[in-house]
């Protein structure tokens, strides 16, 4: 393990699995690295799914869905074979396109 990886591993050890809703997961390197990656993503990204102007709910998608669901989906997607991942991505794109078409009609 490189010193950069050591630094990352040291910085992720501060996460509390219970606070994140991950109490049924073991405190191991895979879990800690996944938590670190997701935290980096959510802390460094500009979420584009802000609430609609008339909505009273001002939370972002991350806050609405919760960390545990993102964590579990992340693990599921990373476990896919290449062909499965391609099929998954195509299905997601098709679902977004259908949603966009429905929104355009209204």
C-alpha atoms as a PDB file:
ATOM      1  CA  UNK A   1       0.000   0.000   0.000  1.00  0.00           C
ATOM      2  CA  UNK A   2       1.401   3.434  -0.930  1.00  0.00           C
ATOM      3  CA  UNK A   3       1.675   6.356   1.451  1.00  0.00           C
ATOM      4  CA  UNK A   4      -1.204   8.067  -0.408  1.00  0.00           C
ATOM      5  CA  UNK A   5      -3.408   5.017   0.212  1.00  0.00           C
ATOM      6  CA  UNK A   6      -2.287   4.967   3.856  1.00  0.00           C
ATOM      7  CA  UNK A   7      -3.342   8.591   4.183  1.00  0.00           C
ATOM      8  CA  UNK A   8      -6.744   7.822   2.638  1.00  0.00           C
ATOM      9  CA  UNK A   9      -7.260   4.810   4.885  1.00  0.00           C
ATOM     10  CA  UNK A  10      -6.307   6.831   7.977  1.00  0.00           C
ATOM     11  CA  UNK A  11      -8.758   9.586   7.070  1.00  0.00           C
ATOM     12  CA  UNK A  12     -11.682   7.199   6.529  1.00  0.00           C
ATOM     13  CA  UNK A  13     -11.343   5.484   9.879  1.00  0.00           C
ATOM     14  CA  UNK A  14     -13.240   8.344  11.509  1.00  0.00           C
ATOM     15  CA  UNK A  15     -16.543   7.273   9.923  1.00  0.00           C
ATOM     16  CA  UNK A  16     -19.029   5.692  12.282  1.00  0.00           C
ATOM     17  CA  UNK A  17     -20.880   2.820  10.594  1.00  0.00           C
ATOM     18  CA  UNK A  18     -23.869   3.167  12.932  1.00  0.00           C
ATOM     19  CA  UNK A  19     -24.285   6.875  12.167  1.00  0.00           C
ATOM     20  CA  UNK A  20     -24.245   6.058   8.445  1.00  0.00           C
ATOM     21  CA  UNK A  21     -26.859   3.314   8.862  1.00  0.00           C
ATOM     22  CA  UNK A  22     -24.309   0.610   8.001  1.00  0.00           C
ATOM     23  CA  UNK A  23     -24.279  -1.261  11.304  1.00  0.00           C
ATOM     24  CA  UNK A  24     -24.748  -4.638   9.579  1.00  0.00           C
ATOM     25  CA  UNK A  25     -21.518  -4.163   7.617  1.00  0.00           C
ATOM     26  CA  UNK A  26     -18.084  -5.183   8.831  1.00  0.00           C
ATOM     27  CA  UNK A  27     -15.487  -2.514   9.475  1.00  0.00           C
ATOM     28  CA  UNK A  28     -13.105  -3.723   6.738  1.00  0.00           C
ATOM     29  CA  UNK A  29     -11.023  -2.142   3.981  1.00  0.00           C
ATOM     30  CA  UNK A  30     -13.664  -2.561   1.235  1.00  0.00           C
ATOM     31  CA  UNK A  31     -16.380  -0.928   3.333  1.00  0.00           C
ATOM     32  CA  UNK A  32     -14.103   1.891   4.509  1.00  0.00           C
ATOM     33  CA  UNK A  33     -12.793   2.591   1.000  1.00  0.00           C
ATOM     34  CA  UNK A  34     -16.338   2.643  -0.362  1.00  0.00           C
ATOM     35  CA  UNK A  35     -17.450   5.064   2.365  1.00  0.00           C
ATOM     36  CA  UNK A  36     -14.453   7.257   1.618  1.00  0.00           C
ATOM     37  CA  UNK A  37     -15.148   7.259  -2.141  1.00  0.00           C
ATOM     38  CA  UNK A  38     -18.821   8.134  -1.667  1.00  0.00           C
ATOM     39  CA  UNK A  39     -18.058  10.856   0.869  1.00  0.00           C
ATOM     40  CA  UNK A  40     -15.517  12.367  -1.517  1.00  0.00           C
ATOM     41  CA  UNK A  41     -18.039  12.249  -4.347  1.00  0.00           C
ATOM     42  CA  UNK A  42     -20.843  13.903  -2.386  1.00  0.00           C
ATOM     43  CA  UNK A  43     -18.609  16.476  -0.727  1.00  0.00           C
ATOM     44  CA  UNK A  44     -16.891  17.492  -3.988  1.00  0.00           C
ATOM     45  CA  UNK A  45     -19.777  17.336  -6.461  1.00  0.00           C
ATOM     46  CA  UNK A  46     -22.311  19.935  -7.386  1.00  0.00           C
ATOM     47  CA  UNK A  47     -25.585  18.097  -7.217  1.00  0.00           C
ATOM     48  CA  UNK A  48     -27.832  19.067 -10.121  1.00  0.00           C
ATOM     49  CA  UNK A  49     -31.011  17.609  -8.650  1.00  0.00           C
ATOM     50  CA  UNK A  50     -32.045  20.600  -6.606  1.00  0.00           C
ATOM     51  CA  UNK A  51     -35.687  20.847  -5.629  1.00  0.00           C
ATOM     52  CA  UNK A  52     -38.296  22.363  -7.885  1.00  0.00           C
ATOM     53  CA  UNK A  53     -39.086  26.043  -7.235  1.00  0.00           C
ATOM     54  CA  UNK A  54     -42.500  25.310  -5.683  1.00  0.00           C
ATOM     55  CA  UNK A  55     -41.258  22.411  -3.567  1.00  0.00           C
ATOM     56  CA  UNK A  56     -41.022  22.834   0.187  1.00  0.00           C
ATOM     57  CA  UNK A  57     -38.465  20.020   0.410  1.00  0.00           C
ATOM     58  CA  UNK A  58     -35.053  21.647  -0.030  1.00  0.00           C
ATOM     59  CA  UNK A  59     -32.976  18.488   0.375  1.00  0.00           C
ATOM     60  CA  UNK A  60     -30.727  17.132  -2.374  1.00  0.00           C
ATOM     61  CA  UNK A  61     -31.092  13.593  -3.706  1.00  0.00           C
ATOM     62  CA  UNK A  62     -28.325  12.386  -1.404  1.00  0.00           C
ATOM     63  CA  UNK A  63     -30.162  13.696   1.646  1.00  0.00           C
ATOM     64  CA  UNK A  64     -33.518  12.295   0.470  1.00  0.00           C
ATOM     65  CA  UNK A  65     -32.294   8.818  -0.416  1.00  0.00           C
ATOM     66  CA  UNK A  66     -29.763   8.426   2.371  1.00  0.00           C
ATOM     67  CA  UNK A  67     -26.188   7.226   2.494  1.00  0.00           C
ATOM     68  CA  UNK A  68     -26.982   3.521   2.956  1.00  0.00           C
ATOM     69  CA  UNK A  69     -28.902   3.200  -0.322  1.00  0.00           C
ATOM     70  CA  UNK A  70     -26.142   4.937  -2.279  1.00  0.00           C
ATOM     71  CA  UNK A  71     -23.575   2.708  -0.536  1.00  0.00           C
ATOM     72  CA  UNK A  72     -25.418  -0.509  -1.399  1.00  0.00           C
ATOM     73  CA  UNK A  73     -26.030   0.522  -5.027  1.00  0.00           C
ATOM     74  CA  UNK A  74     -22.363   1.493  -5.384  1.00  0.00           C
ATOM     75  CA  UNK A  75     -21.282  -1.978  -4.252  1.00  0.00           C
ATOM     76  CA  UNK A  76     -23.811  -3.651  -6.563  1.00  0.00           C
ATOM     77  CA  UNK A  77     -22.698  -1.674  -9.608  1.00  0.00           C
ATOM     78  CA  UNK A  78     -18.992  -2.229  -8.952  1.00  0.00           C
ATOM     79  CA  UNK A  79     -19.604  -5.981  -8.727  1.00  0.00           C
ATOM     80  CA  UNK A  80     -21.106  -6.168 -12.229  1.00  0.00           C
ATOM     81  CA  UNK A  81     -19.283  -7.795 -15.117  1.00  0.00           C
ATOM     82  CA  UNK A  82     -18.537  -5.549 -18.108  1.00  0.00           C
ATOM     83  CA  UNK A  83     -21.505  -6.772 -20.175  1.00  0.00           C
ATOM     84  CA  UNK A  84     -23.851  -6.463 -17.170  1.00  0.00           C
ATOM     85  CA  UNK A  85     -22.610  -2.938 -16.510  1.00  0.00           C
ATOM     86  CA  UNK A  86     -23.187  -1.934 -20.123  1.00  0.00           C
ATOM     87  CA  UNK A  87     -26.727  -3.307 -20.007  1.00  0.00           C
ATOM     88  CA  UNK A  88     -27.384  -1.519 -16.718  1.00  0.00           C
ATOM     89  CA  UNK A  89     -26.153   1.803 -18.125  1.00  0.00           C
ATOM     90  CA  UNK A  90     -28.232   1.424 -21.295  1.00  0.00           C
ATOM     91  CA  UNK A  91     -31.337   0.698 -19.225  1.00  0.00           C
ATOM     92  CA  UNK A  92     -30.686   3.778 -17.066  1.00  0.00           C
ATOM     93  CA  UNK A  93     -30.270   5.971 -20.137  1.00  0.00           C
ATOM     94  CA  UNK A  94     -33.489   4.613 -21.633  1.00  0.00           C
ATOM     95  CA  UNK A  95     -35.356   5.276 -18.386  1.00  0.00           C
ATOM     96  CA  UNK A  96     -34.075   8.860 -18.316  1.00  0.00           C
ATOM     97  CA  UNK A  97     -35.088   9.363 -21.944  1.00  0.00           C
ATOM     98  CA  UNK A  98     -38.613   8.074 -21.289  1.00  0.00           C
ATOM     99  CA  UNK A  99     -38.898  10.363 -18.268  1.00  0.00           C
ATOM    100  CA  UNK A 100     -37.697  13.330 -20.333  1.00  0.00           C
ATOM    101  CA  UNK A 101     -40.195  12.574 -23.101  1.00  0.00           C
ATOM    102  CA  UNK A 102     -43.044  12.399 -20.571  1.00  0.00           C
ATOM    103  CA  UNK A 103     -41.974  15.706 -19.037  1.00  0.00           C
ATOM    104  CA  UNK A 104     -41.832  17.358 -22.464  1.00  0.00           C
ATOM    105  CA  UNK A 105     -45.421  16.276 -23.206  1.00  0.00           C
ATOM    106  CA  UNK A 106     -46.778  17.874 -20.023  1.00  0.00           C
END
